[in-house]
Structure formats: structure tokens, C-alpha cells
Amino acid sequence: MKDSYSFDRDQEGLERSYERHIEAYDRIFDRTGLRWYRVFGDVGLMGGTGAHEYMAPCAAGENEVALAPGYAANIEVASAQAQPVELPGPLAAPEAVETPGATTIVEVGGLLGLPRGAMLKAFPCTWRGAA
């Protein structure tokens, strides 16, 4: 872990310093050649109003990260707001639907004319736990 500090007189100075620190760290990580993410993190014992962590994907890692377009956060501080979805009416009975080549919720929704919030994606699993 590497912390970075500044000694500013006011909030405006702190915000300027913080942006410069972000720019410096971003350049450092870009130069490493790693795939990395700047994510919202926990401010910890020092407190404060916000913090970022730099994460690189690793199978042996100890943290989980929530990633979405324009958003990245350590799972410990990640937040989301429910989005309203206009759901279609129920079907009289289940129907088999072909979705060739569609591998994402967005693609399937486009084929079926459904909003992505009206669908679930299932992943087959081979785990056999006790019932």
C-alpha cells in the first residue's frame, strides 16, 4: 500500500492537489504496462471525504472490484441506485426463444425488444452442493 498526502490550507487547494496526485499515479501505472483500475476506496482510519485505490486484476488478489461503464469501486464501498424498469406483461406460458450469437443482456434485449432490466442472465454451474 502507498499513501499520498498534501498539506493544503483549504478545500480548494486539497482538491487541486488530489487531482495532481491522481494524474501522477495514473501516469505511473500506465508506464507499468499493467491493466489497472482507479477505484473508489475506503478512507480508513484517517477519515476524510473520499479516496481512490489502484487495482490490477490478479487471480491471487484479496479484493473484489465493482466495475461498470464510468464507475469503479472496491466492493466494500460500492454503491448503486435501483433504476426503474418498465416490465412487459406476463406471458400465458413460457416460450422457447432463439438468440443466435447474442451473448449479453443488451444483445438479447435488442433481439427481443425488451429492456435489459427485465431479464436475468443465467450461468450454468457444475457445482454439486448438498441439498
C-alpha atoms as a PDB file:
ATOM      1  CA  MET A   1       0.000   0.000   0.000  1.00  0.00           C
ATOM      2  CA  LYS A   2       1.185   3.502  -0.796  1.00  0.00           C
ATOM      3  CA  ASP A   3      -0.498   6.583   0.610  1.00  0.00           C
ATOM      4  CA  SER A   4      -0.151  10.115  -0.703  1.00  0.00           C
ATOM      5  CA  TYR A   5      -0.660  13.272   1.379  1.00  0.00           C
ATOM      6  CA  SER A   6      -0.732  17.043   0.903  1.00  0.00           C
ATOM      7  CA  PHE A   7      -0.805  19.932   3.347  1.00  0.00           C
ATOM      8  CA  ASP A   8      -3.324  22.362   1.926  1.00  0.00           C
ATOM      9  CA  ARG A   9      -4.882  25.407   3.574  1.00  0.00           C
ATOM     10  CA  ASP A  10      -8.390  24.894   2.270  1.00  0.00           C
ATOM     11  CA  GLN A  11     -10.716  22.520   0.430  1.00  0.00           C
ATOM     12  CA  GLU A  12      -9.986  24.141  -2.936  1.00  0.00           C
ATOM     13  CA  GLY A  13      -6.249  23.559  -2.530  1.00  0.00           C
ATOM     14  CA  LEU A  14      -6.859  19.995  -1.395  1.00  0.00           C
ATOM     15  CA  GLU A  15      -8.960  19.276  -4.480  1.00  0.00           C
ATOM     16  CA  ARG A  16      -6.234  20.684  -6.781  1.00  0.00           C
ATOM     17  CA  SER A  17      -3.566  18.614  -5.024  1.00  0.00           C
ATOM     18  CA  TYR A  18      -5.718  15.497  -5.169  1.00  0.00           C
ATOM     19  CA  GLU A  19      -6.193  15.891  -8.941  1.00  0.00           C
ATOM     20  CA  ARG A  20      -2.417  16.263  -9.408  1.00  0.00           C
ATOM     21  CA  HIS A  21      -1.816  13.140  -7.330  1.00  0.00           C
ATOM     22  CA  ILE A  22      -4.355  11.223  -9.432  1.00  0.00           C
ATOM     23  CA  GLU A  23      -2.662  12.373 -12.645  1.00  0.00           C
ATOM     24  CA  ALA A  24       0.759  11.325 -11.321  1.00  0.00           C
ATOM     25  CA  TYR A  25      -0.417   7.899 -10.159  1.00  0.00           C
ATOM     26  CA  ASP A  26      -2.306   7.308 -13.435  1.00  0.00           C
ATOM     27  CA  ARG A  27       0.891   8.054 -15.399  1.00  0.00           C
ATOM     28  CA  ILE A  28       2.921   5.745 -13.151  1.00  0.00           C
ATOM     29  CA  PHE A  29       0.500   2.858 -13.625  1.00  0.00           C
ATOM     30  CA  ASP A  30       0.238   3.491 -17.370  1.00  0.00           C
ATOM     31  CA  ARG A  31       4.013   3.175 -17.594  1.00  0.00           C
ATOM     32  CA  THR A  32       3.974  -0.223 -15.857  1.00  0.00           C
ATOM     33  CA  GLY A  33       2.071  -1.757 -18.765  1.00  0.00           C
ATOM     34  CA  LEU A  34      -0.397  -3.395 -16.375  1.00  0.00           C
ATOM     35  CA  ARG A  35      -4.127  -3.374 -16.887  1.00  0.00           C
ATOM     36  CA  TRP A  36      -5.262  -1.321 -13.893  1.00  0.00           C
ATOM     37  CA  TYR A  37      -8.291   0.433 -12.427  1.00  0.00           C
ATOM     38  CA  ARG A  38      -8.576   3.522 -10.242  1.00  0.00           C
ATOM     39  CA  VAL A  39     -11.462   2.650  -7.928  1.00  0.00           C
ATOM     40  CA  PHE A  40     -13.297   4.369  -5.099  1.00  0.00           C
ATOM     41  CA  GLY A  41     -11.935   3.019  -1.832  1.00  0.00           C
ATOM     42  CA  ASP A  42     -12.446   3.168   1.906  1.00  0.00           C
ATOM     43  CA  VAL A  43     -10.920   6.234   3.611  1.00  0.00           C
ATOM     44  CA  GLY A  44      -9.923   4.022   6.543  1.00  0.00           C
ATOM     45  CA  LEU A  45      -8.895   5.266   9.971  1.00  0.00           C
ATOM     46  CA  MET A  46      -7.555   8.552   8.625  1.00  0.00           C
ATOM     47  CA  GLY A  47     -11.071   9.567   7.648  1.00  0.00           C
ATOM     48  CA  GLY A  48     -11.823  12.168   5.047  1.00  0.00           C
ATOM     49  CA  THR A  49     -14.303  12.603   2.248  1.00  0.00           C
ATOM     50  CA  GLY A  50     -13.025  10.216  -0.389  1.00  0.00           C
ATOM     51  CA  ALA A  51     -10.207   8.006  -1.514  1.00  0.00           C
ATOM     52  CA  HIS A  52      -9.100   6.031  -4.514  1.00  0.00           C
ATOM     53  CA  GLU A  53      -7.249   2.757  -4.750  1.00  0.00           C
ATOM     54  CA  TYR A  54      -5.364   1.405  -7.724  1.00  0.00           C
ATOM     55  CA  MET A  55      -6.145  -2.207  -8.566  1.00  0.00           C
ATOM     56  CA  ALA A  56      -4.739  -4.627 -11.112  1.00  0.00           C
ATOM     57  CA  PRO A  57      -6.623  -7.861 -11.865  1.00  0.00           C
ATOM     58  CA  CYS A  58      -4.903 -10.861 -10.283  1.00  0.00           C
ATOM     59  CA  ALA A  59      -6.156 -14.396  -9.608  1.00  0.00           C
ATOM     60  CA  ALA A  60      -4.417 -14.314  -6.211  1.00  0.00           C
ATOM     61  CA  GLY A  61      -5.885 -10.932  -5.262  1.00  0.00           C
ATOM     62  CA  GLU A  62      -7.669 -10.289  -1.993  1.00  0.00           C
ATOM     63  CA  ASN A  63     -10.127  -7.547  -3.028  1.00  0.00           C
ATOM     64  CA  GLU A  64     -13.156  -7.542  -5.279  1.00  0.00           C
ATOM     65  CA  VAL A  65     -13.997  -4.595  -7.501  1.00  0.00           C
ATOM     66  CA  ALA A  66     -17.349  -3.447  -8.892  1.00  0.00           C
ATOM     67  CA  LEU A  67     -16.866  -2.238 -12.476  1.00  0.00           C
ATOM     68  CA  ALA A  68     -19.406  -0.560 -14.728  1.00  0.00           C
ATOM     69  CA  PRO A  69     -19.108   1.996 -17.529  1.00  0.00           C
ATOM     70  CA  GLY A  70     -17.860   5.178 -15.834  1.00  0.00           C
ATOM     71  CA  TYR A  71     -17.751   3.592 -12.363  1.00  0.00           C
ATOM     72  CA  ALA A  72     -15.247   1.505 -10.420  1.00  0.00           C
ATOM     73  CA  ALA A  73     -15.224   0.852  -6.667  1.00  0.00           C
ATOM     74  CA  ASN A  74     -13.836  -1.543  -4.115  1.00  0.00           C
ATOM     75  CA  ILE A  75     -16.775  -3.821  -3.297  1.00  0.00           C
ATOM     76  CA  GLU A  76     -16.507  -2.711   0.360  1.00  0.00           C
ATOM     77  CA  VAL A  77     -17.647   0.820  -0.560  1.00  0.00           C
ATOM     78  CA  ALA A  78     -19.507   0.239  -3.851  1.00  0.00           C
ATOM     79  CA  SER A  79     -22.999   1.648  -4.091  1.00  0.00           C
ATOM     80  CA  ALA A  80     -25.765   1.699  -6.642  1.00  0.00           C
ATOM     81  CA  GLN A  81     -29.217   3.123  -7.073  1.00  0.00           C
ATOM     82  CA  ALA A  82     -32.035   0.987  -8.361  1.00  0.00           C
ATOM     83  CA  GLN A  83     -33.230   2.084 -11.786  1.00  0.00           C
ATOM     84  CA  PRO A  84     -36.941   1.879 -12.623  1.00  0.00           C
ATOM     85  CA  VAL A  85     -37.773  -0.631 -15.341  1.00  0.00           C
ATOM     86  CA  GLU A  86     -40.988  -0.815 -17.286  1.00  0.00           C
ATOM     87  CA  LEU A  87     -41.710  -4.536 -17.338  1.00  0.00           C
ATOM     88  CA  PRO A  88     -43.679  -6.203 -20.126  1.00  0.00           C
ATOM     89  CA  GLY A  89     -46.866  -8.060 -19.256  1.00  0.00           C
ATOM     90  CA  PRO A  90     -46.632 -11.732 -18.289  1.00  0.00           C
ATOM     91  CA  LEU A  91     -46.738 -14.455 -20.916  1.00  0.00           C
ATOM     92  CA  ALA A  92     -49.527 -17.032 -20.835  1.00  0.00           C
ATOM     93  CA  ALA A  93     -46.857 -19.768 -20.868  1.00  0.00           C
ATOM     94  CA  PRO A  94     -43.075 -19.973 -21.206  1.00  0.00           C
ATOM     95  CA  GLU A  95     -41.790 -19.737 -24.771  1.00  0.00           C
ATOM     96  CA  ALA A  96     -38.540 -21.016 -26.262  1.00  0.00           C
ATOM     97  CA  VAL A  97     -36.707 -18.155 -27.999  1.00  0.00           C
ATOM     98  CA  GLU A  98     -33.667 -18.405 -30.262  1.00  0.00           C
ATOM     99  CA  THR A  99     -30.969 -15.791 -29.688  1.00  0.00           C
ATOM    100  CA  PRO A 100     -28.149 -16.867 -32.016  1.00  0.00           C
ATOM    101  CA  GLY A 101     -24.899 -15.004 -31.420  1.00  0.00           C
ATOM    102  CA  ALA A 102     -26.371 -12.842 -28.657  1.00  0.00           C
ATOM    103  CA  THR A 103     -24.134 -13.239 -25.602  1.00  0.00           C
ATOM    104  CA  THR A 104     -25.032 -10.213 -23.480  1.00  0.00           C
ATOM    105  CA  ILE A 105     -28.178  -8.905 -21.821  1.00  0.00           C
ATOM    106  CA  VAL A 106     -28.074  -5.854 -24.104  1.00  0.00           C
ATOM    107  CA  GLU A 107     -27.870  -8.013 -27.253  1.00  0.00           C
ATOM    108  CA  VAL A 108     -30.673 -10.354 -26.158  1.00  0.00           C
ATOM    109  CA  GLY A 109     -32.830  -7.402 -25.125  1.00  0.00           C
ATOM    110  CA  GLY A 110     -32.320  -5.861 -28.560  1.00  0.00           C
ATOM    111  CA  LEU A 111     -33.388  -9.081 -30.291  1.00  0.00           C
ATOM    112  CA  LEU A 112     -36.476  -9.462 -28.118  1.00  0.00           C
ATOM    113  CA  GLY A 113     -37.388  -5.788 -27.821  1.00  0.00           C
ATOM    114  CA  LEU A 114     -37.088  -5.910 -24.031  1.00  0.00           C
ATOM    115  CA  PRO A 115     -35.362  -3.528 -21.613  1.00  0.00           C
ATOM    116  CA  ARG A 116     -32.216  -5.057 -20.071  1.00  0.00           C
ATOM    117  CA  GLY A 117     -33.674  -4.645 -16.579  1.00  0.00           C
ATOM    118  CA  ALA A 118     -36.482  -7.080 -17.472  1.00  0.00           C
ATOM    119  CA  MET A 119     -34.099 -10.019 -17.956  1.00  0.00           C
ATOM    120  CA  LEU A 120     -31.739 -12.200 -15.971  1.00  0.00           C
ATOM    121  CA  LYS A 121     -28.651 -13.933 -17.242  1.00  0.00           C
ATOM    122  CA  ALA A 122     -28.038 -17.486 -16.033  1.00  0.00           C
ATOM    123  CA  PHE A 123     -24.645 -19.151 -15.931  1.00  0.00           C
ATOM    124  CA  PRO A 124     -24.532 -22.959 -15.952  1.00  0.00           C
ATOM    125  CA  CYS A 125     -22.677 -24.357 -12.975  1.00  0.00           C
ATOM    126  CA  THR A 126     -21.145 -27.766 -12.288  1.00  0.00           C
ATOM    127  CA  TRP A 127     -21.009 -27.326  -8.511  1.00  0.00           C
ATOM    128  CA  ARG A 128     -22.897 -30.057  -6.686  1.00  0.00           C
ATOM    129  CA  GLY A 129     -23.551 -28.950  -3.142  1.00  0.00           C
ATOM    130  CA  ALA A 130     -25.542 -30.756  -0.512  1.00  0.00           C
ATOM    131  CA  ALA A 131     -29.255 -30.082  -0.759  1.00  0.00           C
END
